[in-house]
Amino acid sequence: MTPTNITPTKQWIKSRELGRHHSLDALRRTDIPSGYLLSLPLPTHRCGRPAYAFFASAVSRHPGQPLQQQIPDRWLAIDAVTGHLLVYALTTVFPFGDTSTWNTVTIAPSPLQNEAYRLSEQTLDQMDRLSSDFFEGRMTEMQERRWMLELLQTLSAHQLLPQYRALAPDFFQWLES
């Protein structure tokens, strides 16, 4: 029996587990066109409850050319406890930020594919360590929050940072506090 003065800890879905949830898988098959990239999942409270938010963008790939990622044209949020879809919206109907300042992003191929993969894995690991503290309103050590911010900046090559900040402004405010 749980003592009445202790709140049981919620079981938060880990960011890397989101791909296995039916709601995200169904959206990928039906509402996110092929040739689109899905962003990293970012923790947020923007939907009034703990959630992971994503944006999706069309990409152009041509042999020998850098990847061209268009301005995000849709976004979604998935409940961090149930895995249910909370929001799916086209940015022309329900924008997640001011798209007028965003441009197509050129992402040069990395000669160090293993390094890029390792960085992506580190980012998801750190996100999983910090997300429960963020969702529950607890502060994590400053160095841990700063490292998360650095990982996001490095992984996005600073080019997608405005979109990430617009998607989860509360998470970035928490990281920088």
N, C-alpha and C. Protein backbone atom coordinates (compact mmCIF):
# COMPACT_ATOMS: atom_id res chain seq x y z
N MET A 1 0.84 -1.18 0.00
CA MET A 1 0.00 0.00 0.00
C MET A 1 0.89 1.25 0.00
N THR A 2 0.52 2.24 -0.81
CA THR A 2 1.30 3.46 -0.92
C THR A 2 0.88 4.44 0.16
N PRO A 3 1.85 4.98 0.93
CA PRO A 3 1.49 5.98 1.93
C PRO A 3 0.81 7.17 1.26
N THR A 4 -0.12 7.82 1.98
CA THR A 4 -0.89 8.90 1.38
C THR A 4 -0.07 10.16 1.13
N ASN A 5 1.07 10.31 1.80
CA ASN A 5 1.87 11.52 1.59
C ASN A 5 2.90 11.37 0.48
N ILE A 6 2.90 10.23 -0.19
CA ILE A 6 3.85 10.01 -1.28
C ILE A 6 3.06 9.82 -2.58
N THR A 7 3.42 10.62 -3.58
CA THR A 7 2.78 10.48 -4.88
C THR A 7 3.57 9.47 -5.70
N PRO A 8 2.89 8.43 -6.19
CA PRO A 8 3.62 7.46 -7.00
C PRO A 8 4.17 8.12 -8.26
N THR A 9 5.36 7.71 -8.67
CA THR A 9 5.97 8.24 -9.88
C THR A 9 5.26 7.69 -11.09
N LYS A 10 4.97 8.57 -12.05
CA LYS A 10 4.33 8.12 -13.28
C LYS A 10 5.34 7.37 -14.13
N GLN A 11 4.83 6.50 -14.95
CA GLN A 11 5.67 5.80 -15.90
C GLN A 11 5.65 6.59 -17.20
N TRP A 12 6.66 7.39 -17.40
CA TRP A 12 6.76 8.20 -18.62
C TRP A 12 7.29 7.33 -19.75
N ILE A 13 6.73 7.51 -20.91
CA ILE A 13 7.26 6.84 -22.09
C ILE A 13 8.61 7.47 -22.41
N LYS A 14 9.57 6.66 -22.73
CA LYS A 14 10.89 7.15 -23.12
C LYS A 14 10.83 7.60 -24.58
N SER A 15 11.63 8.60 -24.90
CA SER A 15 11.59 9.16 -26.26
C SER A 15 11.89 8.11 -27.33
N ARG A 16 12.81 7.22 -27.05
CA ARG A 16 13.15 6.21 -28.06
C ARG A 16 12.08 5.12 -28.18
N GLU A 17 11.14 5.05 -27.24
CA GLU A 17 10.05 4.07 -27.32
C GLU A 17 8.87 4.58 -28.14
N LEU A 18 8.86 5.86 -28.46
CA LEU A 18 7.71 6.45 -29.15
C LEU A 18 7.43 5.81 -30.50
N GLY A 19 8.48 5.40 -31.19
CA GLY A 19 8.30 4.79 -32.51
C GLY A 19 7.51 3.50 -32.47
N ARG A 20 7.43 2.88 -31.31
CA ARG A 20 6.70 1.62 -31.17
C ARG A 20 5.24 1.82 -30.81
N HIS A 21 4.84 3.06 -30.58
CA HIS A 21 3.45 3.30 -30.20
C HIS A 21 2.57 3.39 -31.44
N HIS A 22 1.41 2.80 -31.33
CA HIS A 22 0.49 2.68 -32.45
C HIS A 22 0.15 4.04 -33.06
N SER A 23 -0.07 5.06 -32.24
CA SER A 23 -0.50 6.35 -32.79
C SER A 23 0.54 6.94 -33.72
N LEU A 24 1.82 6.86 -33.37
CA LEU A 24 2.87 7.41 -34.22
C LEU A 24 3.05 6.54 -35.47
N ASP A 25 3.00 5.24 -35.30
CA ASP A 25 3.14 4.34 -36.44
C ASP A 25 2.00 4.56 -37.44
N ALA A 26 0.78 4.70 -36.94
CA ALA A 26 -0.37 4.93 -37.82
C ALA A 26 -0.24 6.25 -38.57
N LEU A 27 0.21 7.29 -37.89
CA LEU A 27 0.40 8.58 -38.55
C LEU A 27 1.45 8.50 -39.65
N ARG A 28 2.52 7.79 -39.39
CA ARG A 28 3.56 7.65 -40.42
C ARG A 28 3.01 6.98 -41.67
N ARG A 29 2.10 6.05 -41.49
CA ARG A 29 1.53 5.34 -42.65
C ARG A 29 0.47 6.16 -43.37
N THR A 30 -0.29 6.99 -42.65
CA THR A 30 -1.45 7.64 -43.26
C THR A 30 -1.33 9.14 -43.46
N ASP A 31 -0.67 9.86 -42.56
CA ASP A 31 -0.71 11.32 -42.61
C ASP A 31 0.63 12.01 -42.80
N ILE A 32 1.70 11.29 -42.69
CA ILE A 32 3.02 11.88 -42.93
C ILE A 32 3.53 11.28 -44.23
N PRO A 33 3.58 12.09 -45.28
CA PRO A 33 3.95 11.55 -46.60
C PRO A 33 5.35 10.93 -46.61
N SER A 34 5.54 9.98 -47.52
CA SER A 34 6.89 9.45 -47.69
C SER A 34 7.75 10.59 -48.22
N GLY A 35 9.02 10.56 -47.92
CA GLY A 35 9.88 11.67 -48.30
C GLY A 35 9.88 12.78 -47.27
N TYR A 36 9.32 12.52 -46.09
CA TYR A 36 9.33 13.49 -45.00
C TYR A 36 10.23 12.98 -43.90
N LEU A 37 10.84 13.91 -43.20
CA LEU A 37 11.61 13.57 -42.00
C LEU A 37 10.82 14.01 -40.78
N LEU A 38 10.85 13.19 -39.76
CA LEU A 38 10.24 13.52 -38.49
C LEU A 38 11.34 14.00 -37.55
N SER A 39 11.10 15.09 -36.87
CA SER A 39 12.10 15.66 -35.97
C SER A 39 12.31 14.78 -34.75
N LEU A 40 13.29 15.17 -33.95
CA LEU A 40 13.45 14.54 -32.65
C LEU A 40 12.20 14.82 -31.81
N PRO A 41 11.82 13.90 -30.94
CA PRO A 41 10.71 14.17 -30.02
C PRO A 41 11.20 15.08 -28.90
N LEU A 42 10.49 16.16 -28.66
CA LEU A 42 10.87 17.07 -27.57
C LEU A 42 9.79 17.06 -26.49
N PRO A 43 10.18 16.96 -25.22
CA PRO A 43 9.21 17.02 -24.14
C PRO A 43 8.60 18.42 -24.06
N THR A 44 7.32 18.48 -23.77
CA THR A 44 6.64 19.77 -23.66
C THR A 44 5.36 19.62 -22.84
N HIS A 45 4.89 20.75 -22.34
CA HIS A 45 3.58 20.82 -21.68
C HIS A 45 2.63 21.66 -22.52
N ARG A 46 2.99 21.98 -23.77
CA ARG A 46 2.23 22.92 -24.58
C ARG A 46 0.80 22.46 -24.84
N CYS A 47 0.50 21.21 -24.65
CA CYS A 47 -0.85 20.69 -24.87
C CYS A 47 -1.64 20.58 -23.57
N GLY A 48 -1.09 21.15 -22.50
CA GLY A 48 -1.78 21.10 -21.21
C GLY A 48 -1.48 19.86 -20.40
N ARG A 49 -0.64 19.01 -20.91
CA ARG A 49 -0.23 17.79 -20.21
C ARG A 49 1.12 17.36 -20.76
N PRO A 50 1.86 16.52 -20.05
CA PRO A 50 3.16 16.08 -20.55
C PRO A 50 3.02 15.34 -21.89
N ALA A 51 3.82 15.77 -22.84
CA ALA A 51 3.75 15.19 -24.18
C ALA A 51 5.11 15.29 -24.85
N TYR A 52 5.25 14.57 -25.93
CA TYR A 52 6.40 14.70 -26.82
C TYR A 52 5.89 15.31 -28.11
N ALA A 53 6.54 16.38 -28.56
CA ALA A 53 6.13 17.05 -29.79
C ALA A 53 7.17 16.79 -30.89
N PHE A 54 6.68 16.71 -32.10
CA PHE A 54 7.50 16.50 -33.30
C PHE A 54 7.05 17.48 -34.37
N PHE A 55 7.91 17.78 -35.31
CA PHE A 55 7.46 18.41 -36.55
C PHE A 55 7.91 17.53 -37.70
N ALA A 56 7.27 17.70 -38.84
CA ALA A 56 7.63 16.92 -40.03
C ALA A 56 7.86 17.87 -41.19
N SER A 57 8.87 17.55 -41.99
CA SER A 57 9.26 18.38 -43.13
C SER A 57 9.54 17.51 -44.34
N ALA A 58 9.19 18.04 -45.49
CA ALA A 58 9.56 17.38 -46.74
C ALA A 58 11.07 17.53 -46.94
N VAL A 59 11.68 16.52 -47.51
CA VAL A 59 13.11 16.59 -47.81
C VAL A 59 13.34 16.23 -49.27
N SER A 60 14.38 16.84 -49.83
CA SER A 60 14.82 16.52 -51.19
C SER A 60 16.18 15.88 -51.09
N ARG A 61 16.31 14.73 -51.72
CA ARG A 61 17.59 14.02 -51.73
C ARG A 61 17.99 13.77 -53.18
N HIS A 62 19.17 14.23 -53.52
CA HIS A 62 19.73 14.00 -54.85
C HIS A 62 21.14 13.47 -54.67
N PRO A 63 21.51 12.45 -55.44
CA PRO A 63 22.85 11.86 -55.29
C PRO A 63 23.95 12.93 -55.40
N GLY A 64 24.87 12.88 -54.46
CA GLY A 64 25.99 13.80 -54.46
C GLY A 64 25.67 15.21 -53.99
N GLN A 65 24.43 15.45 -53.62
CA GLN A 65 24.01 16.78 -53.17
C GLN A 65 23.62 16.73 -51.69
N PRO A 66 23.76 17.86 -50.99
CA PRO A 66 23.30 17.89 -49.60
C PRO A 66 21.77 17.75 -49.53
N LEU A 67 21.31 17.22 -48.44
CA LEU A 67 19.88 17.07 -48.19
C LEU A 67 19.26 18.45 -48.02
N GLN A 68 18.10 18.67 -48.61
CA GLN A 68 17.36 19.93 -48.45
C GLN A 68 16.12 19.63 -47.62
N GLN A 69 16.03 20.23 -46.43
CA GLN A 69 14.87 20.03 -45.57
C GLN A 69 14.02 21.29 -45.62
N GLN A 70 12.77 21.11 -46.05
CA GLN A 70 11.84 22.23 -46.20
C GLN A 70 11.35 22.72 -44.83
N ILE A 71 10.67 23.84 -44.85
CA ILE A 71 10.05 24.37 -43.63
C ILE A 71 9.01 23.35 -43.15
N PRO A 72 8.95 23.07 -41.85
CA PRO A 72 7.95 22.11 -41.36
C PRO A 72 6.54 22.53 -41.77
N ASP A 73 5.76 21.57 -42.25
CA ASP A 73 4.39 21.89 -42.65
C ASP A 73 3.34 21.15 -41.81
N ARG A 74 3.81 20.40 -40.82
CA ARG A 74 2.89 19.70 -39.90
C ARG A 74 3.61 19.41 -38.60
N TRP A 75 2.82 19.23 -37.56
CA TRP A 75 3.41 18.89 -36.27
C TRP A 75 2.43 18.03 -35.49
N LEU A 76 2.94 17.35 -34.48
CA LEU A 76 2.10 16.47 -33.68
C LEU A 76 2.63 16.39 -32.26
N ALA A 77 1.77 15.97 -31.38
CA ALA A 77 2.16 15.75 -29.98
C ALA A 77 1.52 14.45 -29.51
N ILE A 78 2.31 13.67 -28.78
CA ILE A 78 1.87 12.39 -28.25
C ILE A 78 1.98 12.42 -26.74
N ASP A 79 0.91 11.99 -26.07
CA ASP A 79 0.86 11.96 -24.61
C ASP A 79 2.03 11.14 -24.07
N ALA A 80 2.74 11.68 -23.09
CA ALA A 80 3.94 11.04 -22.54
C ALA A 80 3.63 9.88 -21.60
N VAL A 81 2.37 9.69 -21.24
CA VAL A 81 1.99 8.56 -20.38
C VAL A 81 1.28 7.48 -21.18
N THR A 82 0.27 7.88 -21.95
CA THR A 82 -0.56 6.89 -22.66
C THR A 82 -0.06 6.56 -24.06
N GLY A 83 0.70 7.47 -24.67
CA GLY A 83 1.12 7.27 -26.05
C GLY A 83 0.05 7.66 -27.06
N HIS A 84 -1.06 8.21 -26.57
CA HIS A 84 -2.14 8.62 -27.47
C HIS A 84 -1.80 9.94 -28.16
N LEU A 85 -2.31 10.08 -29.35
CA LEU A 85 -2.13 11.31 -30.11
C LEU A 85 -2.94 12.43 -29.46
N LEU A 86 -2.30 13.55 -29.16
CA LEU A 86 -2.99 14.71 -28.60
C LEU A 86 -3.27 15.76 -29.67
N VAL A 87 -2.31 15.97 -30.56
CA VAL A 87 -2.45 16.98 -31.62
C VAL A 87 -1.79 16.46 -32.89
N TYR A 88 -2.47 16.66 -33.99
CA TYR A 88 -1.87 16.51 -35.31
C TYR A 88 -2.41 17.69 -36.11
N ALA A 89 -1.53 18.53 -36.62
CA ALA A 89 -2.00 19.72 -37.32
C ALA A 89 -1.06 20.11 -38.45
N LEU A 90 -1.66 20.64 -39.49
CA LEU A 90 -0.88 21.28 -40.55
C LEU A 90 -0.55 22.68 -40.05
N THR A 91 0.65 23.15 -40.34
CA THR A 91 1.06 24.46 -39.83
C THR A 91 0.28 25.60 -40.48
N THR A 92 -0.33 25.36 -41.64
CA THR A 92 -1.16 26.40 -42.27
C THR A 92 -2.47 26.58 -41.52
N VAL A 93 -2.89 25.56 -40.78
CA VAL A 93 -4.14 25.62 -40.01
C VAL A 93 -3.87 25.99 -38.56
N PHE A 94 -2.88 25.33 -37.96
CA PHE A 94 -2.56 25.53 -36.54
C PHE A 94 -1.04 25.52 -36.40
N PRO A 95 -0.40 26.68 -36.63
CA PRO A 95 1.07 26.72 -36.59
C PRO A 95 1.61 26.51 -35.18
N PHE A 96 2.81 25.95 -35.10
CA PHE A 96 3.46 25.81 -33.80
C PHE A 96 4.46 26.92 -33.56
N GLY A 97 4.65 27.79 -34.53
CA GLY A 97 5.58 28.91 -34.40
C GLY A 97 5.45 29.84 -35.59
N ASP A 98 6.24 30.89 -35.58
CA ASP A 98 6.23 31.87 -36.66
C ASP A 98 7.09 31.36 -37.81
N THR A 99 6.47 30.76 -38.79
CA THR A 99 7.19 30.15 -39.90
C THR A 99 7.75 31.18 -40.88
N SER A 100 7.37 32.44 -40.75
CA SER A 100 7.82 33.46 -41.70
C SER A 100 9.33 33.69 -41.64
N THR A 101 9.96 33.33 -40.54
CA THR A 101 11.40 33.55 -40.41
C THR A 101 12.22 32.30 -40.74
N TRP A 102 11.56 31.20 -41.05
CA TRP A 102 12.26 29.95 -41.33
C TRP A 102 12.52 29.80 -42.81
N ASN A 103 13.58 29.10 -43.14
CA ASN A 103 13.95 28.84 -44.52
C ASN A 103 14.23 27.35 -44.70
N THR A 104 14.36 26.96 -45.96
CA THR A 104 14.82 25.61 -46.26
C THR A 104 16.22 25.45 -45.66
N VAL A 105 16.47 24.30 -45.10
CA VAL A 105 17.75 24.03 -44.44
C VAL A 105 18.54 23.03 -45.28
N THR A 106 19.79 23.35 -45.52
CA THR A 106 20.69 22.44 -46.23
C THR A 106 21.49 21.67 -45.19
N ILE A 107 21.39 20.36 -45.28
CA ILE A 107 22.10 19.50 -44.33
C ILE A 107 23.15 18.72 -45.11
N ALA A 108 24.39 19.14 -44.93
CA ALA A 108 25.49 18.50 -45.65
C ALA A 108 25.69 17.08 -45.14
N PRO A 109 25.97 16.15 -46.04
CA PRO A 109 26.22 14.78 -45.58
C PRO A 109 27.47 14.74 -44.71
N SER A 110 27.37 13.98 -43.66
CA SER A 110 28.50 13.87 -42.74
C SER A 110 29.40 12.73 -43.19
N PRO A 111 30.71 13.01 -43.31
CA PRO A 111 31.62 11.91 -43.64
C PRO A 111 31.73 10.93 -42.47
N LEU A 112 31.29 11.36 -41.32
CA LEU A 112 31.37 10.53 -40.11
C LEU A 112 29.98 10.03 -39.73
N GLN A 113 29.40 9.14 -40.54
CA GLN A 113 28.06 8.64 -40.27
C GLN A 113 27.96 7.99 -38.90
N ASN A 114 29.00 7.27 -38.49
CA ASN A 114 28.98 6.64 -37.17
C ASN A 114 28.95 7.69 -36.07
N GLU A 115 29.65 8.80 -36.27
CA GLU A 115 29.65 9.88 -35.28
C GLU A 115 28.26 10.53 -35.19
N ALA A 116 27.62 10.73 -36.34
CA ALA A 116 26.27 11.32 -36.34
C ALA A 116 25.29 10.39 -35.63
N TYR A 117 25.39 9.09 -35.87
CA TYR A 117 24.53 8.12 -35.20
C TYR A 117 24.78 8.14 -33.69
N ARG A 118 26.05 8.16 -33.29
CA ARG A 118 26.40 8.19 -31.87
C ARG A 118 25.83 9.44 -31.20
N LEU A 119 25.93 10.58 -31.88
CA LEU A 119 25.41 11.83 -31.34
C LEU A 119 23.89 11.76 -31.20
N SER A 120 23.22 11.18 -32.17
CA SER A 120 21.77 11.02 -32.10
C SER A 120 21.38 10.13 -30.91
N GLU A 121 22.10 9.04 -30.72
CA GLU A 121 21.84 8.14 -29.60
C GLU A 121 22.10 8.83 -28.26
N GLN A 122 23.18 9.61 -28.17
CA GLN A 122 23.48 10.36 -26.95
C GLN A 122 22.36 11.35 -26.64
N THR A 123 21.85 12.00 -27.67
CA THR A 123 20.79 12.98 -27.49
C THR A 123 19.54 12.31 -26.94
N LEU A 124 19.15 11.18 -27.51
CA LEU A 124 17.97 10.46 -27.02
C LEU A 124 18.18 9.94 -25.60
N ASP A 125 19.37 9.44 -25.30
CA ASP A 125 19.67 8.97 -23.94
C ASP A 125 19.54 10.11 -22.94
N GLN A 126 20.12 11.26 -23.26
CA GLN A 126 20.06 12.41 -22.36
C GLN A 126 18.61 12.91 -22.23
N MET A 127 17.87 12.90 -23.33
CA MET A 127 16.46 13.31 -23.30
C MET A 127 15.69 12.41 -22.35
N ASP A 128 15.95 11.11 -22.41
CA ASP A 128 15.25 10.17 -21.53
C ASP A 128 15.62 10.40 -20.07
N ARG A 129 16.87 10.77 -19.80
CA ARG A 129 17.27 11.05 -18.41
C ARG A 129 16.59 12.31 -17.88
N LEU A 130 16.39 13.30 -18.72
CA LEU A 130 15.88 14.59 -18.26
C LEU A 130 14.37 14.74 -18.35
N SER A 131 13.72 14.01 -19.23
CA SER A 131 12.30 14.26 -19.48
C SER A 131 11.42 14.08 -18.25
N SER A 132 11.66 13.07 -17.42
CA SER A 132 10.80 12.89 -16.25
C SER A 132 10.93 14.08 -15.29
N ASP A 133 12.15 14.59 -15.10
CA ASP A 133 12.31 15.78 -14.26
C ASP A 133 11.56 16.96 -14.85
N PHE A 134 11.67 17.15 -16.15
CA PHE A 134 10.96 18.25 -16.81
C PHE A 134 9.45 18.08 -16.65
N PHE A 135 8.93 16.89 -16.94
CA PHE A 135 7.49 16.65 -16.84
C PHE A 135 6.97 16.87 -15.43
N GLU A 136 7.78 16.53 -14.43
CA GLU A 136 7.35 16.63 -13.04
C GLU A 136 7.72 17.96 -12.39
N GLY A 137 8.30 18.88 -13.18
CA GLY A 137 8.60 20.22 -12.67
C GLY A 137 9.79 20.28 -11.73
N ARG A 138 10.69 19.31 -11.85
CA ARG A 138 11.89 19.30 -11.01
C ARG A 138 13.07 19.85 -11.81
N MET A 139 13.97 20.51 -11.14
CA MET A 139 15.18 20.98 -11.79
C MET A 139 16.24 19.88 -11.74
N THR A 140 16.94 19.73 -12.82
CA THR A 140 18.07 18.82 -12.92
C THR A 140 19.32 19.68 -12.80
N GLU A 141 20.44 19.07 -12.49
CA GLU A 141 21.68 19.83 -12.39
C GLU A 141 21.91 20.64 -13.66
N MET A 142 22.42 21.86 -13.48
CA MET A 142 22.62 22.76 -14.60
C MET A 142 23.50 22.13 -15.69
N GLN A 143 24.55 21.43 -15.30
CA GLN A 143 25.44 20.85 -16.31
C GLN A 143 24.72 19.82 -17.17
N GLU A 144 23.77 19.10 -16.60
CA GLU A 144 22.99 18.12 -17.37
C GLU A 144 22.08 18.83 -18.37
N ARG A 145 21.45 19.92 -17.93
CA ARG A 145 20.58 20.69 -18.83
C ARG A 145 21.40 21.34 -19.94
N ARG A 146 22.55 21.89 -19.59
CA ARG A 146 23.42 22.54 -20.59
C ARG A 146 23.91 21.52 -21.63
N TRP A 147 24.24 20.32 -21.15
CA TRP A 147 24.70 19.30 -22.08
C TRP A 147 23.59 18.94 -23.07
N MET A 148 22.35 18.84 -22.58
CA MET A 148 21.22 18.55 -23.47
C MET A 148 21.10 19.64 -24.52
N LEU A 149 21.22 20.88 -24.11
CA LEU A 149 21.14 22.01 -25.03
C LEU A 149 22.26 21.93 -26.08
N GLU A 150 23.46 21.62 -25.64
CA GLU A 150 24.59 21.49 -26.57
C GLU A 150 24.37 20.34 -27.56
N LEU A 151 23.84 19.23 -27.07
CA LEU A 151 23.56 18.11 -27.97
C LEU A 151 22.54 18.50 -29.03
N LEU A 152 21.47 19.18 -28.63
CA LEU A 152 20.46 19.62 -29.60
C LEU A 152 21.05 20.59 -30.61
N GLN A 153 21.88 21.52 -30.14
CA GLN A 153 22.51 22.48 -31.05
C GLN A 153 23.43 21.78 -32.03
N THR A 154 24.22 20.86 -31.55
CA THR A 154 25.17 20.15 -32.41
C THR A 154 24.44 19.26 -33.41
N LEU A 155 23.47 18.50 -32.92
CA LEU A 155 22.74 17.58 -33.78
C LEU A 155 21.99 18.31 -34.88
N SER A 156 21.43 19.47 -34.56
CA SER A 156 20.68 20.23 -35.56
C SER A 156 21.57 21.17 -36.35
N ALA A 157 22.87 21.17 -36.07
CA ALA A 157 23.83 22.07 -36.71
C ALA A 157 23.34 23.52 -36.61
N HIS A 158 22.66 23.83 -35.55
CA HIS A 158 22.10 25.15 -35.26
C HIS A 158 21.02 25.57 -36.26
N GLN A 159 20.88 24.86 -37.38
CA GLN A 159 19.96 25.28 -38.43
C GLN A 159 18.50 25.03 -38.08
N LEU A 160 18.22 23.97 -37.36
CA LEU A 160 16.84 23.64 -37.00
C LEU A 160 16.47 24.11 -35.60
N LEU A 161 17.39 24.75 -34.93
CA LEU A 161 17.13 25.19 -33.56
C LEU A 161 15.93 26.13 -33.45
N PRO A 162 15.72 27.08 -34.39
CA PRO A 162 14.52 27.92 -34.28
C PRO A 162 13.22 27.11 -34.31
N GLN A 163 13.17 26.07 -35.14
CA GLN A 163 11.98 25.23 -35.20
C GLN A 163 11.81 24.44 -33.90
N TYR A 164 12.91 23.89 -33.39
CA TYR A 164 12.83 23.15 -32.12
C TYR A 164 12.40 24.07 -30.98
N ARG A 165 12.93 25.27 -30.93
CA ARG A 165 12.55 26.22 -29.87
C ARG A 165 11.07 26.58 -29.96
N ALA A 166 10.57 26.75 -31.17
CA ALA A 166 9.15 27.08 -31.35
C ALA A 166 8.26 25.90 -30.97
N LEU A 167 8.72 24.70 -31.24
CA LEU A 167 7.94 23.50 -30.96
C LEU A 167 7.77 23.25 -29.46
N ALA A 168 8.84 23.46 -28.70
CA ALA A 168 8.82 23.17 -27.26
C ALA A 168 9.49 24.31 -26.49
N PRO A 169 8.90 25.52 -26.53
CA PRO A 169 9.54 26.65 -25.85
C PRO A 169 9.71 26.44 -24.35
N ASP A 170 8.77 25.73 -23.74
CA ASP A 170 8.86 25.48 -22.31
C ASP A 170 10.04 24.58 -21.96
N PHE A 171 10.34 23.62 -22.82
CA PHE A 171 11.48 22.74 -22.58
C PHE A 171 12.78 23.52 -22.68
N PHE A 172 12.91 24.39 -23.68
CA PHE A 172 14.13 25.20 -23.81
C PHE A 172 14.27 26.19 -22.66
N GLN A 173 13.15 26.74 -22.22
CA GLN A 173 13.20 27.66 -21.07
C GLN A 173 13.71 26.90 -19.84
N TRP A 174 13.24 25.69 -19.65
CA TRP A 174 13.68 24.85 -18.53
C TRP A 174 15.17 24.52 -18.67
N LEU A 175 15.61 24.16 -19.89
CA LEU A 175 17.02 23.84 -20.10
C LEU A 175 17.92 25.03 -19.78
N GLU A 176 17.46 26.23 -20.10
CA GLU A 176 18.28 27.43 -19.95
C GLU A 176 18.14 28.11 -18.60
N SER A 177 17.24 27.61 -17.75
CA SER A 177 17.03 28.27 -16.44
C SER A 177 18.08 27.84 -15.43
